[in-house]
C-alpha atoms as a PDB file:
ATOM      1  CA  MET A   1     -50.229  -4.479 108.971  1.00  0.00           C
ATOM      2  CA  ALA A   2     -52.494  -5.437 106.187  1.00  0.00           C
ATOM      3  CA  PHE A   3     -54.210  -8.802 106.372  1.00  0.00           C
ATOM      4  CA  SER A   4     -57.158  -9.883 104.322  1.00  0.00           C
ATOM      5  CA  PHE A   5     -59.385 -12.929 104.556  1.00  0.00           C
ATOM      6  CA  ILE A   6     -59.424 -15.435 101.735  1.00  0.00           C
ATOM      7  CA  ASP A   7     -62.737 -16.203 100.177  1.00  0.00           C
ATOM      8  CA  ARG A   8     -64.700 -18.834 102.184  1.00  0.00           C
ATOM      9  CA  ASP A   9     -64.906 -21.126  99.170  1.00  0.00           C
ATOM     10  CA  SER A  10     -61.136 -21.617  98.892  1.00  0.00           C
ATOM     11  CA  THR A  11     -59.842 -21.879 102.499  1.00  0.00           C
ATOM     12  CA  PRO A  12     -62.159 -20.926 105.371  1.00  0.00           C
ATOM     13  CA  GLY A  13     -60.638 -18.559 107.943  1.00  0.00           C
ATOM     14  CA  ALA A  14     -57.143 -18.488 106.397  1.00  0.00           C
ATOM     15  CA  LEU A  15     -55.123 -15.268 106.296  1.00  0.00           C
ATOM     16  CA  ILE A  16     -52.860 -14.089 103.542  1.00  0.00           C
ATOM     17  CA  VAL A  17     -50.020 -11.711 104.138  1.00  0.00           C
ATOM     18  CA  ASP A  18     -50.241  -8.700 101.851  1.00  0.00           C
ATOM     19  CA  ASN A  19     -46.652  -7.529 101.781  1.00  0.00           C
ATOM     20  CA  GLN A  20     -43.059  -8.590 102.319  1.00  0.00           C
ATOM     21  CA  LEU A  21     -42.702  -6.829 105.699  1.00  0.00           C
ATOM     22  CA  ASP A  22     -45.715  -8.645 107.114  1.00  0.00           C
ATOM     23  CA  GLN A  23     -44.311 -11.953 105.897  1.00  0.00           C
ATOM     24  CA  GLU A  24     -40.947 -11.228 107.569  1.00  0.00           C
ATOM     25  CA  LEU A  25     -42.689 -10.307 110.842  1.00  0.00           C
ATOM     26  CA  THR A  26     -44.771 -13.474 110.723  1.00  0.00           C
ATOM     27  CA  THR A  27     -41.648 -15.550 110.113  1.00  0.00           C
ATOM     28  CA  ALA A  28     -39.862 -13.838 113.019  1.00  0.00           C
ATOM     29  CA  ILE A  29     -42.808 -14.528 115.357  1.00  0.00           C
ATOM     30  CA  ARG A  30     -42.905 -18.193 114.324  1.00  0.00           C
ATOM     31  CA  ARG A  31     -39.141 -18.456 114.928  1.00  0.00           C
ATOM     32  CA  LYS A  32     -39.493 -16.937 118.423  1.00  0.00           C
ATOM     33  CA  VAL A  33     -42.329 -19.317 119.316  1.00  0.00           C
ATOM     34  CA  ARG A  34     -40.265 -22.329 118.180  1.00  0.00           C
ATOM     35  CA  ARG A  35     -37.211 -21.088 120.077  1.00  0.00           C
ATOM     36  CA  GLN A  36     -39.243 -20.578 123.262  1.00  0.00           C
ATOM     37  CA  ALA A  37     -40.850 -24.012 122.982  1.00  0.00           C
ATOM     38  CA  GLY A  38     -37.449 -25.561 122.267  1.00  0.00           C
ATOM     39  CA  ALA A  39     -35.916 -23.896 125.333  1.00  0.00           C
ATOM     40  CA  ARG A  40     -38.605 -25.438 127.517  1.00  0.00           C
ATOM     41  CA  LEU A  41     -37.998 -28.867 125.997  1.00  0.00           C
ATOM     42  CA  ASP A  42     -34.228 -28.466 126.459  1.00  0.00           C
ATOM     43  CA  SER A  43     -34.589 -27.620 130.155  1.00  0.00           C
ATOM     44  CA  THR A  44     -36.858 -30.636 130.674  1.00  0.00           C
ATOM     45  CA  PHE A  45     -34.420 -32.864 128.805  1.00  0.00           C
ATOM     46  CA  LEU A  46     -31.446 -31.585 130.805  1.00  0.00           C
ATOM     47  CA  SER A  47     -33.208 -32.293 134.097  1.00  0.00           C
ATOM     48  CA  MET A  48     -33.640 -35.934 132.985  1.00  0.00           C
ATOM     49  CA  ALA A  49     -30.177 -36.317 131.414  1.00  0.00           C
ATOM     50  CA  PRO A  50     -27.525 -38.407 133.157  1.00  0.00           C
ATOM     51  CA  HIS A  51     -24.524 -36.804 134.808  1.00  0.00           C
ATOM     52  CA  VAL A  52     -21.641 -36.667 132.330  1.00  0.00           C
ATOM     53  CA  ILE A  53     -18.049 -36.702 133.583  1.00  0.00           C
ATOM     54  CA  ASP A  54     -15.205 -35.165 131.615  1.00  0.00           C
ATOM     55  CA  GLU A  55     -12.964 -38.027 130.549  1.00  0.00           C
ATOM     56  CA  THR A  56      -9.912 -36.183 131.898  1.00  0.00           C
ATOM     57  CA  GLN A  57     -11.332 -36.727 135.415  1.00  0.00           C
ATOM     58  CA  VAL A  58     -11.136 -40.537 135.204  1.00  0.00           C
ATOM     59  CA  GLN A  59      -8.037 -42.711 135.318  1.00  0.00           C
ATOM     60  CA  THR A  60      -7.607 -45.004 132.313  1.00  0.00           C
ATOM     61  CA  ALA A  61      -7.176 -48.693 133.075  1.00  0.00           C
ATOM     62  CA  PHE A  62      -6.855 -51.748 130.876  1.00  0.00           C
ATOM     63  CA  LEU A  63      -8.487 -54.888 132.163  1.00  0.00           C
ATOM     64  CA  SER A  64      -7.290 -58.335 131.219  1.00  0.00           C
ATOM     65  CA  VAL A  65     -10.087 -60.883 131.506  1.00  0.00           C
ATOM     66  CA  GLU A  66      -9.744 -64.417 130.157  1.00  0.00           C
ATOM     67  CA  GLY A  67      -7.099 -63.292 127.684  1.00  0.00           C
ATOM     68  CA  HIS A  68      -9.134 -60.307 126.429  1.00  0.00           C
ATOM     69  CA  GLN A  69      -7.925 -56.721 126.830  1.00  0.00           C
ATOM     70  CA  LEU A  70     -10.841 -54.495 127.844  1.00  0.00           C
ATOM     71  CA  GLU A  71     -10.899 -50.739 128.149  1.00  0.00           C
ATOM     72  CA  GLY A  72     -11.662 -49.606 131.669  1.00  0.00           C
ATOM     73  CA  VAL A  73     -11.486 -46.596 133.955  1.00  0.00           C
ATOM     74  CA  ARG A  74     -11.140 -45.956 137.644  1.00  0.00           C
ATOM     75  CA  TYR A  75     -13.349 -43.261 139.145  1.00  0.00           C
ATOM     76  CA  GLN A  76     -13.932 -42.530 142.837  1.00  0.00           C
ATOM     77  CA  GLY A  77     -12.463 -45.858 143.938  1.00  0.00           C
ATOM     78  CA  GLN A  78     -14.541 -47.967 141.529  1.00  0.00           C
ATOM     79  CA  VAL A  79     -13.386 -49.747 138.389  1.00  0.00           C
ATOM     80  CA  TYR A  80     -15.627 -49.572 135.320  1.00  0.00           C
ATOM     81  CA  ARG A  81     -15.622 -51.460 132.026  1.00  0.00           C
ATOM     82  CA  LYS A  82     -16.605 -49.686 128.810  1.00  0.00           C
ATOM     83  CA  VAL A  83     -19.960 -50.914 127.568  1.00  0.00           C
ATOM     84  CA  GLU A  84     -20.356 -48.672 124.541  1.00  0.00           C
ATOM     85  CA  GLU A  85     -18.959 -45.523 122.989  1.00  0.00           C
ATOM     86  CA  PHE A  86     -20.724 -43.035 120.743  1.00  0.00           C
ATOM     87  CA  GLN A  87     -19.655 -40.231 118.455  1.00  0.00           C
ATOM     88  CA  LEU A  88     -20.452 -36.796 119.852  1.00  0.00           C
ATOM     89  CA  CYS A  89     -23.273 -36.372 117.355  1.00  0.00           C
ATOM     90  CA  HIS A  90     -25.007 -39.420 118.913  1.00  0.00           C
ATOM     91  CA  ARG A  91     -25.464 -37.913 122.362  1.00  0.00           C
ATOM     92  CA  LEU A  92     -29.092 -38.987 122.669  1.00  0.00           C
ATOM     93  CA  GLN A  93     -28.225 -42.640 122.067  1.00  0.00           C
ATOM     94  CA  SER A  94     -25.627 -42.526 124.831  1.00  0.00           C
ATOM     95  CA  TYR A  95     -28.176 -40.891 127.143  1.00  0.00           C
ATOM     96  CA  CYS A  96     -30.716 -43.614 126.331  1.00  0.00           C
ATOM     97  CA  LEU A  97     -28.227 -46.339 127.222  1.00  0.00           C
ATOM     98  CA  ALA A  98     -27.376 -44.563 130.483  1.00  0.00           C
ATOM     99  CA  LYS A  99     -31.085 -44.213 131.269  1.00  0.00           C
ATOM    100  CA  THR A 100     -31.614 -47.939 130.656  1.00  0.00           C
ATOM    101  CA  LEU A 101     -28.737 -48.818 132.994  1.00  0.00           C
ATOM    102  CA  SER A 102     -30.142 -46.446 135.588  1.00  0.00           C
ATOM    103  CA  GLU A 103     -33.568 -48.080 135.369  1.00  0.00           C
ATOM    104  CA  GLN A 104     -31.880 -51.456 135.901  1.00  0.00           C
ATOM    105  CA  GLN A 105     -30.216 -49.943 138.983  1.00  0.00           C
ATOM    106  CA  LEU A 106     -26.718 -50.709 137.719  1.00  0.00           C
ATOM    107  CA  ALA A 107     -23.725 -48.655 138.849  1.00  0.00           C
ATOM    108  CA  TYR A 108     -22.481 -46.797 135.765  1.00  0.00           C
ATOM    109  CA  ILE A 109     -20.786 -43.589 134.702  1.00  0.00           C
ATOM    110  CA  MET A 110     -20.896 -41.666 131.466  1.00  0.00           C
ATOM    111  CA  THR A 111     -17.872 -39.766 130.183  1.00  0.00           C
ATOM    112  CA  ARG A 112     -17.267 -37.243 127.432  1.00  0.00           C
ATOM    113  CA  SER A 113     -14.057 -36.482 125.604  1.00  0.00           C
ATOM    114  CA  ASP A 114     -13.308 -34.350 122.552  1.00  0.00           C
ATOM    115  CA  LYS A 115     -14.149 -37.321 120.337  1.00  0.00           C
ATOM    116  CA  ARG A 116     -16.773 -39.447 122.080  1.00  0.00           C
ATOM    117  CA  PHE A 117     -19.313 -40.202 124.749  1.00  0.00           C
ATOM    118  CA  ALA A 118     -18.615 -43.455 126.608  1.00  0.00           C
ATOM    119  CA  VAL A 119     -20.812 -45.443 128.972  1.00  0.00           C
ATOM    120  CA  TRP A 120     -19.086 -47.550 131.623  1.00  0.00           C
ATOM    121  CA  VAL A 121     -20.518 -50.147 134.018  1.00  0.00           C
ATOM    122  CA  SER A 122     -18.941 -51.062 137.345  1.00  0.00           C
ATOM    123  CA  ILE A 123     -17.205 -54.430 137.076  1.00  0.00           C
ATOM    124  CA  GLN A 124     -18.900 -55.382 140.353  1.00  0.00           C
ATOM    125  CA  GLU A 125     -22.248 -55.200 138.525  1.00  0.00           C
ATOM    126  CA  ILE A 126     -21.284 -57.542 135.694  1.00  0.00           C
ATOM    127  CA  PRO A 127     -21.690 -61.305 136.219  1.00  0.00           C
ATOM    128  CA  LYS A 128     -18.300 -63.069 136.083  1.00  0.00           C
ATOM    129  CA  GLY A 129     -19.042 -64.992 132.887  1.00  0.00           C
ATOM    130  CA  GLN A 130     -20.094 -61.828 131.043  1.00  0.00           C
ATOM    131  CA  LEU A 131     -17.114 -59.536 131.656  1.00  0.00           C
ATOM    132  CA  CYS A 132     -15.783 -60.006 128.100  1.00  0.00           C
END
């Protein structure tokens, strides 16, 4: 590998890559460092991420409250009302909402289908006047 120092007057301590092979190797090393750092961030993120249930594992229910039809689900003996749904590309926003509900110590579930992420709150957690 051929590296040479740039003159101190232009950029102190900087290296220039003399040929195409060295530039490709440098790019490959940078890519590996980013990938390794990203893998560490991903594992940290996954350990903090909420549990996501496949939507095929919940039973769909429609709730009628004060004349309003609300989308709901039944899961493990609890009934949940949909709070919000997100496109699959907005996974982080759905995780943030789930994290907020968790911090408020509310009973919730998060589901994923082929088209969306959905966050549901137990109807026992919602004050009666705010169900709609």
